[in-house]
Amino acid sequence: MSPSEWRQFTLLSRDSLRKLLNAVVLSRDGDPTQFAIWMTAIVSTPPSLYAFSQMFKYTMMRQQTAAVVEAVVLQDRMFFVFYSMVAAGLLAALTWEALFPDRTDQEVIGSLPVRPRTLAAARLSAALVMVTIFSAAINLPSALFFSFVSVTHPLLGFLPTVFLAHIVSTMAGCLAMFMALLILRGVVALVAGAAVADQLATVLQLVAVVSVIEVFFYLPSVLPLLVRRMLEGSDAVTWMPPAWYVALYSSIVGTTRTVLRGEAITGLLVFLAAVVAVVPAYLLPARLMARRALESQARDRQGRVGTLLRLAGRLAPAGPSRAISEFAITTLFRSRRHLLIVVSYAGAGLAIAAVSVIAARIRVGLLSAEVNTALLAVPLVMMFFLTFGLRAAFRVPSDLDANWPFRLCQPTVAAAGTGTRHALFVLAVIPSILLFVSVGLVGGWTPGTAATIAVFDLAMGALLLEVALYGWTLVPFASAHATDQETMKSRWLWYVVLLNIFAFRGASAQVGALTSVRASLIYLAIVIAVALVIRVARLQRTGRDAIAFDAPQEFRLETLNLSEAAQ
């Protein structure tokens, strides 16, 4: 590499790292550093707390046999490795579109004397630096805590050795997973095209978000079975990637089991193979991928579902409200970046709803048609997460310079709220209800029960939208947005409380309302009355607000007005 190409690589690597961070925080308009730090801190907290909590457990196990201690410590090691690999999958899903140079990159840099391989190498190095920092931030605290556990029992290993083994095995698993997804991203884009790669991103992100949440609910109960099968040499477990790096962990600390040593060697070989394969997967097709990106035309990503929902958007009241509703629905299905925001929220809602349903189905039977609180909470949970996911996506502009039509003919706050509410109703409330009622009818519900539950959920959806849009003064996708890390630090508790009241307490009230017609009417009357009260308060507030197209300035000059000349 010549000195000039090396300078290009260095500059492009820095820009690529920032672009990847922007993809993680799903915003191009603010400084992503602080927000990314808080996201990483939140992701690293669960394994740290888990490691710290194990200290007392191992202290109480000093009199246990070596076989019992080995089984328990392997379960804990499996948790750390599994969590690290799932977190790597989530990071890859969030940065999926930015992993390869896109059409905008090629249009800006393609006219310069920069080789496509240089740009691709810069993007690859930035991705590897990002995942290395991310992996270290997740695993270093848990490694520190868990290594101190080793001093509580003589069979757990020497403290520095345990610390080294924890870092090496968890980071190797995390990096191997990320590089495998990088290779998958490159192969799919090269063979099937960018459109298929984009569709795969949606599926990957949904699976990653659900997996991160489900790992805390189900992995502790599954770990003993996985460890037992791994020690027995079961093919179903030995071919699982987490088992390879758990075996690597044990091999570094010290083990006499031949099966673990063999799996550790497999993990090392897979890691080295990923390191060797990821470079040609990025660099060899760089010129071809650059040409495809430049030759590609902007395409409508709506599809049939998007077209149908856009037609539903035309049912909004004529005028600015209908225009805002159609604009919001159309933009969402044409922008992969905004769609991934909604998918992230939907994955979280799906995971929480699945935990509740599975627990209830175990109690009453998987094929039972009984209507219970856990089951009725499913559409409310999905409605909640889709609504606030769409609300978060609406706050991120698609192209800020293109909002001049709304500035030229500025709508009122009431019109913006009406159009946004209709878009949320079409995108969040109606799909949740239709899908849930359809599944209920297939599962054995009577038409009367299904219709009653649908009416209940429509009323609850109307109430939720009034709460979500209280104080809303934006045009979806057309107002400036600055990333706010304070949301992550201070508002999560409010959302947890609201979710519990709306979804689970609301579902419990629905179970009671289904007992009689009178109870159903009382339930509907209360929900509608509360929704109307909030609506009146919201409309009164809109009279004092104005549409906000520009983000509030965090720093501005303030004067004390002490000079008489300024009066």
Protein backbone atom coordinates (compact mmCIF):
# COMPACT_ATOMS: atom_id res chain seq x y z
CA MET A 1 0.00 0.00 0.00
CA SER A 2 1.45 3.34 -1.05
CA PRO A 3 1.78 6.24 1.43
CA SER A 4 -1.05 8.16 -0.27
CA GLU A 5 -3.36 5.14 -0.16
CA TRP A 6 -2.48 4.63 3.50
CA ARG A 7 -3.47 8.23 4.28
CA GLN A 8 -6.74 7.70 2.41
CA PHE A 9 -7.33 4.50 4.38
CA THR A 10 -6.72 6.29 7.69
CA LEU A 11 -9.10 9.15 6.93
CA LEU A 12 -11.81 6.87 5.54
CA SER A 13 -11.53 4.55 8.57
CA ARG A 14 -12.34 7.41 10.92
CA ASP A 15 -15.31 8.47 8.80
CA SER A 16 -16.48 4.85 8.51
CA LEU A 17 -16.37 4.41 12.28
CA ARG A 18 -18.57 7.46 12.75
CA LYS A 19 -20.99 6.19 10.12
CA LEU A 20 -21.22 2.84 11.89
CA LEU A 21 -21.89 4.61 15.20
CA ASN A 22 -24.59 6.67 13.50
CA ALA A 23 -26.14 3.42 12.27
CA VAL A 24 -26.08 2.01 15.81
CA VAL A 25 -27.89 5.00 17.30
CA LEU A 26 -30.10 5.30 14.20
CA SER A 27 -29.43 9.00 13.71
CA ARG A 28 -27.33 11.08 11.33
CA ASP A 29 -27.96 14.43 12.94
CA GLY A 30 -26.38 14.33 16.37
CA ASP A 31 -23.17 13.30 18.05
CA PRO A 32 -23.53 9.54 18.47
CA THR A 33 -20.67 9.10 20.95
CA GLN A 34 -22.54 9.72 24.19
CA PHE A 35 -25.57 7.75 23.07
CA ALA A 36 -23.40 4.83 21.97
CA ILE A 37 -21.60 4.86 25.33
CA TRP A 38 -24.89 4.60 27.19
CA MET A 39 -26.15 1.84 24.93
CA THR A 40 -22.94 -0.14 25.50
CA ALA A 41 -23.18 0.43 29.25
CA ILE A 42 -26.72 -0.92 29.30
CA VAL A 43 -25.77 -4.00 27.26
CA SER A 44 -22.76 -4.69 29.52
CA THR A 45 -24.74 -4.43 32.76
CA PRO A 46 -26.50 -7.86 32.73
CA PRO A 47 -23.35 -10.02 32.50
CA SER A 48 -21.64 -7.87 35.13
CA LEU A 49 -24.53 -8.26 37.56
CA TYR A 50 -24.71 -11.97 36.81
CA ALA A 51 -20.98 -12.41 37.50
CA PHE A 52 -21.15 -10.47 40.76
CA SER A 53 -24.14 -12.48 42.00
CA GLN A 54 -22.28 -15.80 41.59
CA MET A 55 -19.69 -15.02 44.26
CA PHE A 56 -21.95 -16.03 47.13
CA LYS A 57 -23.10 -19.17 45.31
CA TYR A 58 -19.58 -20.52 44.97
CA THR A 59 -18.77 -19.65 48.55
CA MET A 60 -21.60 -21.95 49.64
CA MET A 61 -20.31 -24.75 47.37
CA ARG A 62 -16.92 -25.29 49.03
CA GLN A 63 -17.99 -28.72 50.28
CA GLN A 64 -19.43 -29.92 46.97
CA THR A 65 -17.77 -32.56 44.80
CA ALA A 66 -15.61 -31.66 41.81
CA ALA A 67 -18.25 -32.94 39.36
CA VAL A 68 -20.94 -30.66 40.79
CA VAL A 69 -18.66 -27.62 40.80
CA GLU A 70 -17.58 -28.31 37.22
CA ALA A 71 -21.17 -28.54 36.00
CA VAL A 72 -22.12 -25.29 37.71
CA VAL A 73 -19.12 -23.33 36.47
CA LEU A 74 -19.65 -24.58 32.91
CA GLN A 75 -23.22 -23.29 33.05
CA ASP A 76 -21.99 -19.85 34.07
CA ARG A 77 -19.32 -19.83 31.37
CA MET A 78 -21.96 -20.83 28.81
CA PHE A 79 -24.07 -17.85 29.86
CA PHE A 80 -21.24 -15.36 29.34
CA VAL A 81 -20.25 -16.79 25.95
CA PHE A 82 -23.83 -17.10 24.73
CA TYR A 83 -24.71 -13.55 25.78
CA SER A 84 -21.58 -12.13 24.12
CA MET A 85 -22.37 -13.85 20.82
CA VAL A 86 -26.00 -12.72 20.86
CA ALA A 87 -24.87 -9.14 21.56
CA ALA A 88 -22.53 -9.37 18.55
CA GLY A 89 -25.47 -10.46 16.41
CA LEU A 90 -27.48 -7.48 17.63
CA LEU A 91 -24.62 -5.10 16.81
CA ALA A 92 -24.29 -6.58 13.32
CA ALA A 93 -28.04 -6.17 12.78
CA LEU A 94 -27.95 -2.52 13.85
CA THR A 95 -25.03 -1.71 11.54
CA TRP A 96 -26.14 -3.98 8.68
CA GLU A 97 -26.66 -1.28 6.05
CA ALA A 98 -23.45 0.56 6.95
CA LEU A 99 -21.19 -2.52 6.85
CA PHE A 100 -20.58 -2.08 3.12
CA PRO A 101 -20.16 1.21 1.22
CA ASP A 102 -23.53 2.16 -0.24
CA ARG A 103 -24.58 4.24 -3.22
CA THR A 104 -24.09 7.54 -1.39
CA ASP A 105 -20.55 6.59 -0.42
CA GLN A 106 -19.71 5.66 -4.00
CA GLU A 107 -21.24 8.86 -5.42
CA VAL A 108 -19.20 11.02 -3.05
CA ILE A 109 -15.92 9.11 -3.09
CA GLY A 110 -16.15 7.44 -6.51
CA SER A 111 -15.26 10.66 -8.30
CA LEU A 112 -12.07 10.98 -6.24
CA PRO A 113 -8.83 9.07 -6.88
CA VAL A 114 -9.73 6.47 -4.27
CA ARG A 115 -9.74 2.78 -5.08
CA PRO A 116 -12.86 0.79 -4.15
CA ARG A 117 -10.70 -1.64 -2.19
CA THR A 118 -9.39 1.23 -0.05
CA LEU A 119 -12.90 2.31 0.87
CA ALA A 120 -13.94 -1.31 1.54
CA ALA A 121 -10.82 -1.93 3.67
CA ALA A 122 -11.53 1.23 5.67
CA ARG A 123 -15.11 0.14 6.32
CA LEU A 124 -13.92 -3.34 7.36
CA SER A 125 -11.30 -1.99 9.75
CA ALA A 126 -13.82 0.39 11.29
CA ALA A 127 -16.28 -2.46 11.80
CA LEU A 128 -13.65 -4.64 13.46
CA VAL A 129 -12.48 -1.80 15.71
CA MET A 130 -16.07 -1.09 16.71
CA VAL A 131 -16.91 -4.70 17.56
CA THR A 132 -13.62 -5.12 19.46
CA ILE A 133 -14.37 -2.08 21.64
CA PHE A 134 -17.97 -3.24 22.06
CA SER A 135 -16.89 -6.75 23.05
CA ALA A 136 -14.29 -5.47 25.50
CA ALA A 137 -16.82 -3.14 27.12
CA ILE A 138 -19.24 -6.02 27.60
CA ASN A 139 -16.81 -8.66 28.83
CA LEU A 140 -14.14 -6.81 30.84
CA PRO A 141 -16.37 -5.96 33.83
CA SER A 142 -17.85 -9.46 33.98
CA ALA A 143 -14.35 -10.96 33.63
CA LEU A 144 -13.15 -8.90 36.56
CA PHE A 145 -16.06 -9.90 38.79
CA PHE A 146 -16.10 -13.54 37.78
CA SER A 147 -12.34 -13.96 38.20
CA PHE A 148 -12.70 -12.93 41.85
CA VAL A 149 -15.20 -15.76 42.19
CA SER A 150 -12.32 -18.15 41.57
CA VAL A 151 -10.74 -17.31 44.92
CA THR A 152 -13.87 -18.58 46.71
CA HIS A 153 -13.36 -22.20 45.60
CA PRO A 154 -10.09 -24.10 45.00
CA LEU A 155 -11.46 -25.95 41.94
CA LEU A 156 -12.28 -22.81 39.90
CA GLY A 157 -8.73 -21.93 38.88
CA PHE A 158 -6.13 -19.23 39.52
CA LEU A 159 -7.46 -15.66 39.43
CA PRO A 160 -5.25 -14.24 36.61
CA THR A 161 -5.80 -17.39 34.54
CA VAL A 162 -9.57 -17.18 34.94
CA PHE A 163 -9.50 -13.50 33.98
CA LEU A 164 -7.48 -14.25 30.83
CA ALA A 165 -9.66 -17.24 29.91
CA HIS A 166 -12.85 -15.19 30.35
CA ILE A 167 -11.60 -12.36 28.12
CA VAL A 168 -10.17 -14.63 25.42
CA SER A 169 -13.15 -16.99 25.14
CA THR A 170 -15.97 -14.43 25.30
CA MET A 171 -14.29 -11.95 22.96
CA ALA A 172 -13.33 -14.75 20.55
CA GLY A 173 -16.96 -15.89 20.44
CA CYS A 174 -18.20 -12.32 19.97
CA LEU A 175 -15.71 -11.53 17.19
CA ALA A 176 -16.30 -14.88 15.46
CA MET A 177 -20.05 -14.28 15.39
CA PHE A 178 -19.64 -10.74 14.07
CA MET A 179 -17.15 -11.75 11.37
CA ALA A 180 -19.38 -14.65 10.31
CA LEU A 181 -22.23 -12.20 9.82
CA LEU A 182 -19.91 -9.85 7.92
CA ILE A 183 -19.06 -12.70 5.56
CA LEU A 184 -22.76 -13.58 5.24
CA ARG A 185 -23.55 -9.93 4.45
CA GLY A 186 -20.92 -9.85 1.72
CA VAL A 187 -21.89 -13.18 0.15
CA VAL A 188 -25.61 -12.36 0.11
CA ALA A 189 -25.02 -8.92 -1.40
CA LEU A 190 -22.69 -10.36 -4.02
CA VAL A 191 -24.81 -13.36 -5.01
CA ALA A 192 -28.40 -12.27 -4.39
CA GLY A 193 -28.12 -8.48 -4.58
CA ALA A 194 -28.58 -5.58 -2.19
CA ALA A 195 -32.37 -5.98 -2.01
CA VAL A 196 -32.15 -9.47 -0.51
CA ALA A 197 -29.40 -8.31 1.85
CA ASP A 198 -31.66 -5.50 3.09
CA GLN A 199 -34.54 -7.92 3.67
CA LEU A 200 -32.21 -10.21 5.59
CA ALA A 201 -31.31 -7.27 7.83
CA THR A 202 -34.90 -6.98 9.03
CA VAL A 203 -35.10 -10.67 9.92
CA LEU A 204 -31.68 -10.62 11.59
CA GLN A 205 -32.51 -7.63 13.74
CA LEU A 206 -35.82 -9.09 14.84
CA VAL A 207 -34.16 -12.39 15.79
CA ALA A 208 -31.30 -10.61 17.58
CA VAL A 209 -33.56 -8.39 19.69
CA VAL A 210 -35.80 -11.31 20.64
CA SER A 211 -32.77 -13.46 21.49
CA VAL A 212 -31.18 -10.85 23.76
CA ILE A 213 -34.38 -10.62 25.82
CA GLU A 214 -35.25 -14.30 25.81
CA VAL A 215 -31.77 -15.30 26.96
CA PHE A 216 -32.54 -13.99 30.45
CA PHE A 217 -35.83 -15.83 30.75
CA TYR A 218 -35.04 -19.23 29.28
CA LEU A 219 -31.27 -19.68 29.17
CA PRO A 220 -30.87 -20.30 32.95
CA SER A 221 -33.30 -23.23 32.73
CA VAL A 222 -31.71 -24.60 29.53
CA LEU A 223 -28.07 -24.28 30.60
CA PRO A 224 -27.95 -27.46 32.77
CA LEU A 225 -29.23 -29.55 29.87
CA LEU A 226 -26.75 -28.00 27.40
CA VAL A 227 -23.81 -28.57 29.75
CA ARG A 228 -24.80 -32.17 30.43
CA ARG A 229 -25.09 -32.90 26.72
CA MET A 230 -21.80 -31.14 26.03
CA LEU A 231 -19.95 -33.26 28.59
CA GLU A 232 -21.52 -36.37 27.10
CA GLY A 233 -20.25 -35.38 23.64
CA SER A 234 -23.70 -35.04 22.07
CA ASP A 235 -23.48 -33.93 18.43
CA ALA A 236 -26.50 -31.66 18.87
CA VAL A 237 -24.52 -29.51 21.35
CA THR A 238 -20.92 -29.94 20.23
CA TRP A 239 -21.82 -28.32 16.89
CA MET A 240 -23.23 -25.24 18.67
CA PRO A 241 -20.73 -22.33 18.44
CA PRO A 242 -21.14 -21.29 22.12
CA ALA A 243 -20.00 -24.78 23.18
CA TRP A 244 -16.69 -24.30 21.32
CA TYR A 245 -15.76 -21.18 23.24
CA VAL A 246 -16.96 -22.56 26.56
CA ALA A 247 -14.59 -25.46 25.91
CA LEU A 248 -11.85 -22.93 25.07
CA TYR A 249 -12.55 -21.21 28.40
CA SER A 250 -12.18 -24.50 30.27
CA SER A 251 -9.07 -25.50 28.35
CA ILE A 252 -7.28 -22.26 29.27
CA VAL A 253 -8.24 -22.59 32.94
CA GLY A 254 -7.34 -26.28 32.88
CA THR A 255 -9.40 -29.41 32.17
CA THR A 256 -8.73 -33.13 31.78
CA ARG A 257 -11.75 -33.82 29.57
CA THR A 258 -10.76 -34.77 26.05
CA VAL A 259 -14.14 -33.75 24.60
CA LEU A 260 -13.66 -30.17 25.80
CA ARG A 261 -10.18 -29.95 24.34
CA GLY A 262 -11.47 -31.10 20.96
CA GLU A 263 -14.26 -28.51 20.98
CA ALA A 264 -11.77 -25.80 22.00
CA ILE A 265 -9.62 -26.62 18.97
CA THR A 266 -12.73 -26.40 16.77
CA GLY A 267 -13.51 -22.96 18.18
CA LEU A 268 -9.99 -21.70 17.51
CA LEU A 269 -10.04 -23.05 13.95
CA VAL A 270 -13.43 -21.42 13.26
CA PHE A 271 -12.17 -18.10 14.64
CA LEU A 272 -9.03 -18.21 12.49
CA ALA A 273 -11.06 -19.22 9.44
CA ALA A 274 -13.37 -16.23 9.98
CA VAL A 275 -10.36 -13.88 10.27
CA VAL A 276 -8.88 -15.25 7.05
CA ALA A 277 -12.17 -15.24 5.10
CA VAL A 278 -13.50 -11.82 6.10
CA VAL A 279 -10.73 -9.89 4.34
CA PRO A 280 -11.21 -11.37 0.84
CA ALA A 281 -14.98 -11.29 1.34
CA TYR A 282 -14.66 -7.50 1.64
CA LEU A 283 -11.81 -6.64 -0.70
CA LEU A 284 -12.12 -8.97 -3.69
CA PRO A 285 -15.64 -7.91 -4.79
CA ALA A 286 -15.08 -4.24 -3.86
CA ARG A 287 -14.87 -3.01 -7.46
CA LEU A 288 -17.92 -5.02 -8.54
CA MET A 289 -19.95 -3.87 -5.51
CA ALA A 290 -18.99 -0.25 -6.18
CA ARG A 291 -20.15 -0.48 -9.79
CA ARG A 292 -23.43 -2.11 -8.74
CA ALA A 293 -24.04 0.61 -6.17
CA LEU A 294 -23.49 3.37 -8.71
CA GLU A 295 -25.64 1.67 -11.35
CA SER A 296 -28.48 0.92 -8.96
CA GLN A 297 -31.52 3.13 -9.12
CA ALA A 298 -33.49 4.36 -6.17
CA ARG A 299 -36.35 1.93 -5.84
CA ASP A 300 -39.69 1.94 -4.13
CA ARG A 301 -39.48 -0.41 -1.15
CA GLN A 302 -43.13 -0.24 -0.25
CA GLY A 303 -44.24 -3.59 -1.59
CA ARG A 304 -47.81 -4.79 -1.46
CA VAL A 305 -48.20 -4.37 2.28
CA GLY A 306 -46.90 -0.81 2.13
CA THR A 307 -49.22 0.03 -0.75
CA LEU A 308 -52.20 -1.35 1.15
CA LEU A 309 -51.32 0.61 4.27
CA ARG A 310 -50.82 3.76 2.22
CA LEU A 311 -54.34 3.36 0.82
CA ALA A 312 -55.58 3.05 4.41
CA GLY A 313 -53.78 6.31 5.14
CA ARG A 314 -56.10 8.05 2.69
CA LEU A 315 -58.97 7.45 5.08
CA ALA A 316 -57.68 10.28 7.24
CA PRO A 317 -59.59 13.59 7.16
CA ALA A 318 -58.95 15.51 3.94
CA GLY A 319 -56.38 18.26 3.96
CA PRO A 320 -53.03 18.50 5.77
CA SER A 321 -53.89 15.57 8.07
CA ARG A 322 -54.31 13.18 5.15
CA ALA A 323 -51.10 14.42 3.52
CA ILE A 324 -49.15 13.91 6.75
CA SER A 325 -50.61 10.43 7.25
CA GLU A 326 -49.76 9.31 3.70
CA PHE A 327 -46.31 10.89 3.92
CA ALA A 328 -45.54 9.06 7.18
CA ILE A 329 -46.66 5.65 5.91
CA THR A 330 -44.92 6.00 2.55
CA THR A 331 -41.65 7.22 4.04
CA LEU A 332 -41.53 4.40 6.58
CA PHE A 333 -41.72 1.67 3.93
CA ARG A 334 -39.19 3.41 1.69
CA SER A 335 -36.58 3.94 4.40
CA ARG A 336 -34.75 0.87 5.69
CA ARG A 337 -33.17 2.94 8.48
CA HIS A 338 -36.51 3.95 9.96
CA LEU A 339 -38.01 0.52 9.43
CA LEU A 340 -35.20 -1.02 11.49
CA ILE A 341 -36.07 1.29 14.38
CA VAL A 342 -39.61 -0.08 14.39
CA VAL A 343 -38.34 -3.65 14.02
CA SER A 344 -36.17 -3.21 17.12
CA TYR A 345 -39.16 -2.14 19.19
CA ALA A 346 -41.31 -4.88 17.67
CA GLY A 347 -38.70 -7.49 18.58
CA ALA A 348 -38.71 -6.33 22.20
CA GLY A 349 -42.51 -6.48 22.30
CA LEU A 350 -42.57 -9.91 20.69
CA ALA A 351 -40.06 -11.25 23.22
CA ILE A 352 -41.98 -9.93 26.23
CA ALA A 353 -45.31 -11.17 24.86
CA ALA A 354 -43.82 -14.60 24.12
CA VAL A 355 -42.56 -14.98 27.69
CA SER A 356 -45.99 -14.21 29.09
CA VAL A 357 -47.83 -16.52 26.68
CA ILE A 358 -45.47 -19.47 27.07
CA ALA A 359 -45.70 -19.30 30.85
CA ALA A 360 -49.50 -19.22 30.67
CA ARG A 361 -49.68 -22.01 28.08
CA ILE A 362 -47.57 -24.27 30.29
CA ARG A 363 -50.09 -23.81 33.10
CA VAL A 364 -53.29 -24.35 31.09
CA GLY A 365 -52.00 -26.45 28.19
CA LEU A 366 -50.59 -25.49 24.82
CA LEU A 367 -53.82 -26.27 22.95
CA SER A 368 -56.22 -24.67 25.43
CA ALA A 369 -58.65 -22.08 24.08
CA GLU A 370 -59.00 -20.41 27.48
CA VAL A 371 -58.92 -16.60 27.42
CA ASN A 372 -56.58 -15.41 30.17
CA THR A 373 -54.65 -12.30 31.14
CA ALA A 374 -51.38 -13.39 29.53
CA LEU A 375 -53.10 -14.08 26.22
CA LEU A 376 -55.09 -10.83 26.15
CA ALA A 377 -51.91 -8.89 26.96
CA VAL A 378 -50.27 -9.94 23.67
CA PRO A 379 -51.96 -7.40 21.34
CA LEU A 380 -51.65 -4.69 23.98
CA VAL A 381 -47.91 -5.34 24.38
CA MET A 382 -47.35 -5.34 20.63
CA MET A 383 -49.51 -2.24 20.24
CA PHE A 384 -47.48 -0.48 22.94
CA PHE A 385 -44.08 -1.27 21.45
CA LEU A 386 -45.14 -0.60 17.86
CA THR A 387 -46.67 2.74 18.81
CA PHE A 388 -43.63 4.03 20.67
CA GLY A 389 -41.31 2.47 18.07
CA LEU A 390 -43.11 4.35 15.32
CA ARG A 391 -43.11 7.48 17.45
CA ALA A 392 -39.32 7.18 17.82
CA ALA A 393 -38.94 6.60 14.06
CA PHE A 394 -41.17 9.57 13.25
CA ARG A 395 -38.82 11.82 15.21
CA VAL A 396 -35.84 10.96 12.97
CA PRO A 397 -35.94 12.95 9.69
CA SER A 398 -35.61 11.06 6.42
CA ASP A 399 -34.12 14.03 4.55
CA LEU A 400 -34.22 17.27 6.47
CA ASP A 401 -33.63 19.45 3.40
CA ALA A 402 -36.74 17.98 1.78
CA ASN A 403 -39.18 19.30 4.38
CA TRP A 404 -39.63 22.59 2.52
CA PRO A 405 -43.23 21.76 1.40
CA PHE A 406 -44.29 21.56 5.05
CA ARG A 407 -42.41 24.77 5.84
CA LEU A 408 -43.98 26.49 2.84
CA CYS A 409 -47.50 25.44 3.82
CA GLN A 410 -47.04 24.92 7.52
CA PRO A 411 -49.75 22.71 9.09
CA THR A 412 -51.19 23.37 12.48
CA VAL A 413 -50.21 21.29 15.49
CA ALA A 414 -53.72 19.84 15.57
CA ALA A 415 -53.45 18.74 11.92
CA ALA A 416 -50.02 17.20 12.53
CA GLY A 417 -51.38 15.34 15.54
CA THR A 418 -54.41 14.07 13.62
CA GLY A 419 -52.31 12.84 10.69
CA THR A 420 -49.75 11.21 13.02
CA ARG A 421 -52.49 9.55 15.07
CA HIS A 422 -54.10 8.11 11.96
CA ALA A 423 -50.74 6.77 10.73
CA LEU A 424 -50.12 5.12 14.12
CA PHE A 425 -53.59 3.67 14.09
CA VAL A 426 -53.02 2.12 10.67
CA LEU A 427 -49.49 0.89 11.36
CA ALA A 428 -49.71 -0.23 15.00
CA VAL A 429 -53.25 -0.69 16.29
CA ILE A 430 -55.07 -2.32 13.36
CA PRO A 431 -52.36 -4.90 12.47
CA SER A 432 -51.99 -5.99 16.11
CA ILE A 433 -55.73 -6.50 16.52
CA LEU A 434 -56.30 -8.25 13.19
CA LEU A 435 -53.42 -10.68 13.69
CA PHE A 436 -54.40 -11.50 17.26
CA VAL A 437 -58.10 -12.00 16.51
CA SER A 438 -57.28 -14.17 13.50
CA VAL A 439 -55.07 -16.42 15.62
CA GLY A 440 -57.76 -16.54 18.30
CA LEU A 441 -60.42 -17.68 15.83
CA VAL A 442 -58.10 -20.40 14.55
CA GLY A 443 -57.44 -21.42 18.16
CA GLY A 444 -61.11 -22.00 18.93
CA TRP A 445 -62.60 -18.66 19.99
CA THR A 446 -66.23 -17.99 19.20
CA PRO A 447 -66.95 -15.09 16.81
CA GLY A 448 -68.67 -13.21 19.65
CA THR A 449 -65.64 -13.46 21.94
CA ALA A 450 -63.29 -12.43 19.13
CA ALA A 451 -65.46 -9.42 18.23
CA THR A 452 -65.69 -8.30 21.86
CA ILE A 453 -61.93 -8.52 22.35
CA ALA A 454 -61.38 -6.60 19.10
CA VAL A 455 -63.63 -3.78 20.35
CA PHE A 456 -61.78 -3.75 23.68
CA ASP A 457 -58.43 -3.47 21.92
CA LEU A 458 -59.69 -0.72 19.61
CA ALA A 459 -60.67 1.33 22.63
CA MET A 460 -57.34 0.64 24.34
CA GLY A 461 -55.51 1.55 21.13
CA ALA A 462 -57.31 4.89 20.97
CA LEU A 463 -56.34 5.55 24.59
CA LEU A 464 -52.71 4.64 23.95
CA LEU A 465 -52.45 6.97 20.96
CA GLU A 466 -53.78 9.88 22.98
CA VAL A 467 -51.13 9.24 25.63
CA ALA A 468 -48.32 8.74 23.10
CA LEU A 469 -49.14 11.94 21.20
CA TYR A 470 -49.60 14.22 24.20
CA GLY A 471 -47.35 17.20 23.51
CA TRP A 472 -46.60 16.07 19.94
CA THR A 473 -45.55 19.06 17.81
CA LEU A 474 -43.69 17.39 14.93
CA VAL A 475 -44.39 16.37 11.36
CA PRO A 476 -43.27 12.73 11.01
CA PHE A 477 -39.86 12.37 9.31
CA ALA A 478 -39.72 16.13 8.59
CA SER A 479 -38.41 17.68 11.81
CA ALA A 480 -34.82 17.90 13.03
CA HIS A 481 -33.82 15.45 15.70
CA ALA A 482 -30.87 15.37 18.07
CA THR A 483 -30.00 12.13 19.85
CA ASP A 484 -30.80 12.39 23.53
CA GLN A 485 -29.02 10.02 25.88
CA GLU A 486 -31.14 11.33 28.74
CA THR A 487 -34.03 9.27 27.36
CA MET A 488 -32.11 6.11 28.07
CA LYS A 489 -31.08 7.23 31.54
CA SER A 490 -34.30 8.68 32.94
CA ARG A 491 -37.37 7.71 30.94
CA TRP A 492 -37.08 3.93 30.80
CA LEU A 493 -38.74 3.56 34.21
CA TRP A 494 -41.71 5.59 33.02
CA TYR A 495 -42.14 3.29 30.01
CA VAL A 496 -41.93 0.18 32.20
CA VAL A 497 -44.67 1.48 34.50
CA LEU A 498 -46.83 2.55 31.57
CA LEU A 499 -46.40 -0.85 29.89
CA ASN A 500 -47.43 -2.67 33.05
CA ILE A 501 -50.53 -0.54 33.54
CA PHE A 502 -51.60 -0.48 29.90
CA ALA A 503 -50.87 -4.06 28.82
CA PHE A 504 -50.98 -6.34 31.83
CA ARG A 505 -53.37 -4.47 34.13
CA GLY A 506 -55.49 -3.64 31.09
CA ALA A 507 -55.60 -7.30 30.05
CA SER A 508 -56.60 -8.28 33.58
CA ALA A 509 -59.47 -5.79 33.39
CA GLN A 510 -60.51 -7.26 30.03
CA VAL A 511 -60.76 -10.73 31.56
CA GLY A 512 -63.19 -9.36 34.14
CA ALA A 513 -65.11 -7.43 31.49
CA LEU A 514 -65.73 -10.59 29.45
CA THR A 515 -67.84 -12.10 32.23
CA SER A 516 -70.99 -10.18 31.26
CA VAL A 517 -72.41 -7.59 28.88
CA ARG A 518 -72.76 -5.08 31.70
CA ALA A 519 -69.11 -5.49 32.69
CA SER A 520 -68.07 -5.06 29.06
CA LEU A 521 -70.02 -1.81 28.72
CA ILE A 522 -68.57 -0.45 31.97
CA TYR A 523 -65.05 -1.32 30.81
CA LEU A 524 -65.55 0.40 27.46
CA ALA A 525 -67.11 3.45 29.09
CA ILE A 526 -64.16 3.89 31.45
CA VAL A 527 -61.55 3.47 28.72
CA ILE A 528 -63.32 5.85 26.33
CA ALA A 529 -63.86 8.43 29.09
CA VAL A 530 -60.18 8.43 30.03
CA ALA A 531 -59.20 8.70 26.36
CA LEU A 532 -61.55 11.67 25.88
CA VAL A 533 -60.16 13.46 28.93
CA ILE A 534 -56.60 13.08 27.65
CA ARG A 535 -57.69 14.14 24.18
CA VAL A 536 -59.29 17.33 25.48
CA ALA A 537 -56.14 18.14 27.47
CA ARG A 538 -53.98 17.42 24.41
CA LEU A 539 -56.07 19.65 22.13
CA GLN A 540 -55.96 22.47 24.66
CA ARG A 541 -52.19 22.21 24.73
CA THR A 542 -51.92 22.25 20.94
CA GLY A 543 -53.45 25.73 20.92
CA ARG A 544 -50.36 27.01 22.74
CA ASP A 545 -47.74 25.10 20.72
CA ALA A 546 -46.33 25.50 17.23
CA ILE A 547 -44.87 23.00 14.76
CA ALA A 548 -41.18 22.41 15.50
CA PHE A 549 -39.05 21.88 12.39
CA ASP A 550 -35.70 22.64 14.03
CA ALA A 551 -34.11 20.84 16.96
CA PRO A 552 -33.89 22.87 20.17
CA GLN A 553 -30.47 24.42 20.65
CA GLU A 554 -28.72 22.95 23.65
CA PHE A 555 -26.32 25.90 23.97
CA ARG A 556 -27.36 29.45 23.31
CA LEU A 557 -26.22 32.91 24.42
CA GLU A 558 -28.02 34.22 27.49
CA THR A 559 -27.85 37.86 28.65
CA LEU A 560 -28.52 39.35 32.06
CA ASN A 561 -30.01 42.62 30.62
CA LEU A 562 -28.06 44.71 33.12
CA SER A 563 -27.14 47.48 30.68
CA GLU A 564 -29.60 50.35 30.42
CA ALA A 565 -28.53 50.86 26.79
CA ALA A 566 -29.97 47.47 25.91
CA GLN A 567 -33.37 48.35 27.33
